[in-house]
């Protein structure tokens, strides 16, 4: 299980290979609960550009980026 979190490894550094992935996306305001975080194998994040002023991405946008990556892996 991989959870999306701002303090996670950059998503492109995670390559599950042929393993199946369960991707956990938390709420935009609160993220993933501590109980669920304790069950994760890894946390991944989407790196921001140096000029980005956005605090975070919308949960659905982040989900689309991450699903696209893990589908190709």
C-alpha atoms as a PDB file:
ATOM      1  CA  UNK A   1       0.000   0.000   0.000  1.00  0.00           C
ATOM      2  CA  UNK A   2       1.289   3.406  -0.984  1.00  0.00           C
ATOM      3  CA  UNK A   3      -0.133   6.588   0.461  1.00  0.00           C
ATOM      4  CA  UNK A   4      -0.005  10.036  -1.096  1.00  0.00           C
ATOM      5  CA  UNK A   5       1.596  12.457   1.350  1.00  0.00           C
ATOM      6  CA  UNK A   6       3.489  15.716   1.056  1.00  0.00           C
ATOM      7  CA  UNK A   7       6.348  14.230   3.103  1.00  0.00           C
ATOM      8  CA  UNK A   8       6.625  11.073   0.968  1.00  0.00           C
ATOM      9  CA  UNK A   9       9.371  10.048  -1.433  1.00  0.00           C
ATOM     10  CA  UNK A  10       9.061  11.586  -4.898  1.00  0.00           C
ATOM     11  CA  UNK A  11       6.685   9.259  -6.721  1.00  0.00           C
ATOM     12  CA  UNK A  12       9.083   8.672  -9.620  1.00  0.00           C
ATOM     13  CA  UNK A  13      11.521   7.030  -7.165  1.00  0.00           C
ATOM     14  CA  UNK A  14       8.994   4.285  -6.397  1.00  0.00           C
ATOM     15  CA  UNK A  15       8.722   1.457  -8.876  1.00  0.00           C
ATOM     16  CA  UNK A  16       6.663  -1.459  -7.593  1.00  0.00           C
ATOM     17  CA  UNK A  17       7.536  -3.517 -10.667  1.00  0.00           C
ATOM     18  CA  UNK A  18       5.023  -6.285 -11.210  1.00  0.00           C
ATOM     19  CA  UNK A  19       3.520  -5.976  -7.716  1.00  0.00           C
ATOM     20  CA  UNK A  20      -0.043  -4.762  -7.419  1.00  0.00           C
ATOM     21  CA  UNK A  21      -0.412  -1.345  -5.820  1.00  0.00           C
ATOM     22  CA  UNK A  22      -3.122  -0.036  -3.545  1.00  0.00           C
ATOM     23  CA  UNK A  23      -2.972   3.747  -3.693  1.00  0.00           C
ATOM     24  CA  UNK A  24      -4.400   5.648  -0.730  1.00  0.00           C
ATOM     25  CA  UNK A  25      -5.439   9.278  -1.219  1.00  0.00           C
ATOM     26  CA  UNK A  26      -6.471  11.278   1.829  1.00  0.00           C
ATOM     27  CA  UNK A  27      -8.718  14.279   2.098  1.00  0.00           C
ATOM     28  CA  UNK A  28      -7.429  17.591   0.802  1.00  0.00           C
ATOM     29  CA  UNK A  29      -7.584  19.281   4.186  1.00  0.00           C
ATOM     30  CA  UNK A  30      -6.538  16.471   6.554  1.00  0.00           C
ATOM     31  CA  UNK A  31      -4.599  13.952   4.481  1.00  0.00           C
ATOM     32  CA  UNK A  32      -4.445  10.286   5.459  1.00  0.00           C
ATOM     33  CA  UNK A  33      -5.328   9.345   9.041  1.00  0.00           C
ATOM     34  CA  UNK A  34      -2.576   8.176  11.392  1.00  0.00           C
ATOM     35  CA  UNK A  35      -4.219   4.769  11.655  1.00  0.00           C
ATOM     36  CA  UNK A  36      -3.995   4.255   7.884  1.00  0.00           C
ATOM     37  CA  UNK A  37      -0.467   5.705   7.681  1.00  0.00           C
ATOM     38  CA  UNK A  38       0.699   2.991  10.071  1.00  0.00           C
ATOM     39  CA  UNK A  39      -0.447   0.356   7.557  1.00  0.00           C
ATOM     40  CA  UNK A  40       1.388   1.813   4.534  1.00  0.00           C
ATOM     41  CA  UNK A  41       4.428   0.223   2.912  1.00  0.00           C
ATOM     42  CA  UNK A  42       5.521   3.585   1.463  1.00  0.00           C
ATOM     43  CA  UNK A  43       4.462   7.200   1.214  1.00  0.00           C
ATOM     44  CA  UNK A  44       4.899   9.110  -2.022  1.00  0.00           C
ATOM     45  CA  UNK A  45       4.585  12.722  -2.975  1.00  0.00           C
ATOM     46  CA  UNK A  46       4.524  14.823  -6.108  1.00  0.00           C
ATOM     47  CA  UNK A  47       7.510  17.167  -6.131  1.00  0.00           C
ATOM     48  CA  UNK A  48       6.724  20.843  -6.655  1.00  0.00           C
ATOM     49  CA  UNK A  49       8.705  23.030  -8.992  1.00  0.00           C
ATOM     50  CA  UNK A  50      10.948  25.630  -7.408  1.00  0.00           C
ATOM     51  CA  UNK A  51       8.651  28.428  -8.591  1.00  0.00           C
ATOM     52  CA  UNK A  52       5.383  26.831  -7.467  1.00  0.00           C
ATOM     53  CA  UNK A  53       3.332  28.861  -5.018  1.00  0.00           C
ATOM     54  CA  UNK A  54       0.695  26.139  -4.592  1.00  0.00           C
ATOM     55  CA  UNK A  55       0.609  24.504  -1.170  1.00  0.00           C
ATOM     56  CA  UNK A  56      -0.720  21.231  -2.584  1.00  0.00           C
ATOM     57  CA  UNK A  57      -2.659  19.675  -5.435  1.00  0.00           C
ATOM     58  CA  UNK A  58      -6.340  18.877  -5.505  1.00  0.00           C
ATOM     59  CA  UNK A  59      -6.821  15.252  -4.379  1.00  0.00           C
ATOM     60  CA  UNK A  60      -8.303  14.174  -7.723  1.00  0.00           C
ATOM     61  CA  UNK A  61      -5.434  15.762  -9.669  1.00  0.00           C
ATOM     62  CA  UNK A  62      -2.837  14.133  -7.411  1.00  0.00           C
ATOM     63  CA  UNK A  63      -4.626  10.807  -7.798  1.00  0.00           C
ATOM     64  CA  UNK A  64      -4.575  11.084 -11.599  1.00  0.00           C
ATOM     65  CA  UNK A  65      -0.835  11.869 -11.669  1.00  0.00           C
ATOM     66  CA  UNK A  66       0.014   8.982  -9.347  1.00  0.00           C
ATOM     67  CA  UNK A  67      -2.260   6.443 -11.046  1.00  0.00           C
ATOM     68  CA  UNK A  68      -0.750   7.334 -14.400  1.00  0.00           C
ATOM     69  CA  UNK A  69       2.752   6.718 -13.026  1.00  0.00           C
ATOM     70  CA  UNK A  70       1.958   3.415 -11.314  1.00  0.00           C
ATOM     71  CA  UNK A  71       0.045   2.136 -14.337  1.00  0.00           C
ATOM     72  CA  UNK A  72       3.221   2.494 -16.410  1.00  0.00           C
ATOM     73  CA  UNK A  73       5.484   0.941 -13.748  1.00  0.00           C
END
